[in-house]
Amino acid sequence: MNPTKSQVSRPMVGVLALVCLAIWGAMFLLPESSNATDLWHGAFLRIGVVMGAFWISLPARGRDAAWSGINATTLVGAAFLAFLTARLRFAIIPIAIGVVTIGLFLRPRGKHRPGTRAV
C-alpha cells in the first residue's frame, strides 16, 4: 500500500468557515428559541471560529504556515496568558509540561557542519 499525502484545500476551509458563520448569523432571524436551536447556534459558531483559525494557520502559496516562525518568547507568553485566563489553573501545569517535553524532542536541530582544519 502506497502512503499518500493528503492535501487540505485552504480556500475550501475558508469557505466552510464562512458558511458556518453565515448560518450562525442567519439563525438570529429565527423567531423561536429552544434548547435545540441554542445547541445548533452554538455549534455553528464554534465550528466557524475553529475553521477560521485553521484557515489562518494553513500555509499559502507565498508564505509558510503561521506557526512556522514562532519563537520561544511567544510560546512562553501564550502559555502564561493561558495560565492567567484558565478556569482550571491546575490543569494547565501538566499540559505545559507535556508541551515543553514534546517541544524538546520535536524541535528542528541545527545542521552539524564539520569544522575545517588549518594545515
Protein backbone atom coordinates (compact mmCIF):
# COMPACT_ATOMS: atom_id res chain seq x y z
CA MET A 1 0.00 0.00 0.00
CA ASN A 2 1.42 3.36 -1.01
CA PRO A 3 1.23 6.10 1.59
CA THR A 4 -0.35 9.23 0.15
CA LYS A 5 -0.09 12.73 1.46
CA SER A 6 -3.45 14.37 2.00
CA GLN A 7 -3.70 17.97 0.86
CA VAL A 8 -6.01 20.38 2.67
CA SER A 9 -7.57 22.97 0.41
CA ARG A 10 -7.10 26.37 2.05
CA PRO A 11 -9.92 28.04 0.06
CA MET A 12 -12.31 25.20 0.96
CA VAL A 13 -11.53 25.60 4.67
CA GLY A 14 -12.20 29.34 4.38
CA VAL A 15 -15.49 28.77 2.57
CA LEU A 16 -16.63 26.24 5.19
CA ALA A 17 -15.78 28.70 7.96
CA LEU A 18 -17.76 31.46 6.24
CA VAL A 19 -20.73 29.15 5.63
CA CYS A 20 -20.82 28.09 9.29
CA LEU A 21 -20.61 31.71 10.45
CA ALA A 22 -23.29 32.75 7.94
CA ILE A 23 -25.64 30.03 9.22
CA TRP A 24 -24.91 31.16 12.77
CA GLY A 25 -25.81 34.73 11.82
CA ALA A 26 -28.94 33.62 9.95
CA MET A 27 -30.16 31.72 12.98
CA PHE A 28 -30.73 35.05 14.73
CA LEU A 29 -33.64 35.54 12.32
CA LEU A 30 -35.47 32.51 13.68
CA PRO A 31 -38.45 33.59 15.77
CA GLU A 32 -38.30 30.79 18.30
CA SER A 33 -35.58 29.79 20.68
CA SER A 34 -35.42 26.35 22.20
CA ASN A 35 -32.73 24.09 23.54
CA ALA A 36 -32.28 22.50 20.11
CA THR A 37 -31.81 25.83 18.31
CA ASP A 38 -29.46 27.02 21.04
CA LEU A 39 -27.43 23.85 20.56
CA TRP A 40 -27.14 24.33 16.78
CA HIS A 41 -26.48 28.03 17.24
CA GLY A 42 -23.50 27.35 19.50
CA ALA A 43 -22.25 24.53 17.30
CA PHE A 44 -22.17 26.62 14.13
CA LEU A 45 -20.41 29.47 15.94
CA ARG A 46 -17.72 27.25 17.44
CA ILE A 47 -17.10 25.30 14.26
CA GLY A 48 -16.94 28.51 12.23
CA VAL A 49 -14.43 30.09 14.60
CA VAL A 50 -12.23 26.97 14.73
CA MET A 51 -12.33 26.55 10.95
CA GLY A 52 -11.44 30.25 10.58
CA ALA A 53 -8.44 29.82 12.87
CA PHE A 54 -7.44 26.72 10.91
CA TRP A 55 -7.75 28.68 7.66
CA ILE A 56 -5.48 31.42 9.00
CA SER A 57 -2.85 28.89 10.11
CA LEU A 58 -2.68 26.97 6.82
CA PRO A 59 0.25 27.73 4.51
CA ALA A 60 -0.46 29.72 1.35
CA ARG A 61 1.49 29.80 -1.90
CA GLY A 62 3.75 32.67 -0.96
CA ARG A 63 4.25 32.01 2.74
CA ASP A 64 4.88 29.25 5.23
CA ALA A 65 2.42 28.04 7.82
CA ALA A 66 1.50 30.57 10.50
CA TRP A 67 3.16 28.61 13.28
CA SER A 68 6.47 28.06 11.46
CA GLY A 69 8.00 31.32 12.70
CA ILE A 70 7.03 31.04 16.37
CA ASN A 71 9.84 31.56 18.84
CA ALA A 72 10.26 30.58 22.48
CA THR A 73 9.26 34.01 23.81
CA THR A 74 5.93 33.91 22.02
CA LEU A 75 5.28 30.37 23.23
CA VAL A 76 6.06 31.26 26.84
CA GLY A 77 3.88 34.39 26.60
CA ALA A 78 0.96 32.41 25.21
CA ALA A 79 1.35 29.78 27.92
CA PHE A 80 1.44 32.49 30.59
CA LEU A 81 -1.69 34.11 29.16
CA ALA A 82 -3.46 30.75 29.09
CA PHE A 83 -2.45 30.19 32.70
CA LEU A 84 -3.88 33.53 33.78
CA THR A 85 -7.17 33.15 31.96
CA ALA A 86 -7.84 29.45 32.54
CA ARG A 87 -10.69 28.42 34.79
CA LEU A 88 -8.86 25.33 35.93
CA ARG A 89 -5.34 26.54 36.52
CA PHE A 90 -4.17 23.23 37.95
CA ALA A 91 -4.85 21.54 34.58
CA ILE A 92 -2.58 23.95 32.70
CA ILE A 93 0.61 22.88 34.51
CA PRO A 94 0.63 19.21 33.31
CA ILE A 95 -0.34 20.34 29.81
CA ALA A 96 2.51 22.87 29.78
CA ILE A 97 4.99 20.25 30.97
CA GLY A 98 3.82 17.93 28.20
CA VAL A 99 4.08 20.63 25.53
CA VAL A 100 7.59 21.60 26.64
CA THR A 101 8.68 17.95 26.72
CA ILE A 102 7.28 17.30 23.24
CA GLY A 103 8.80 20.55 22.01
CA LEU A 104 12.24 19.48 23.19
CA PHE A 105 12.06 16.30 21.14
CA LEU A 106 10.33 17.66 18.03
CA ARG A 107 12.20 20.93 17.54
CA PRO A 108 14.37 21.26 14.45
CA ARG A 109 18.01 20.53 15.04
CA GLY A 110 20.76 22.74 13.73
CA LYS A 111 22.82 21.44 10.86
CA HIS A 112 26.06 19.92 12.04
CA ARG A 113 28.88 21.21 9.90
CA PRO A 114 32.26 19.67 10.36
CA GLY A 115 34.98 22.19 11.08
CA THR A 116 37.83 22.79 8.68
CA ARG A 117 41.37 22.22 9.76
CA ALA A 118 44.07 24.73 9.08
CA VAL A 119 47.02 22.98 7.53
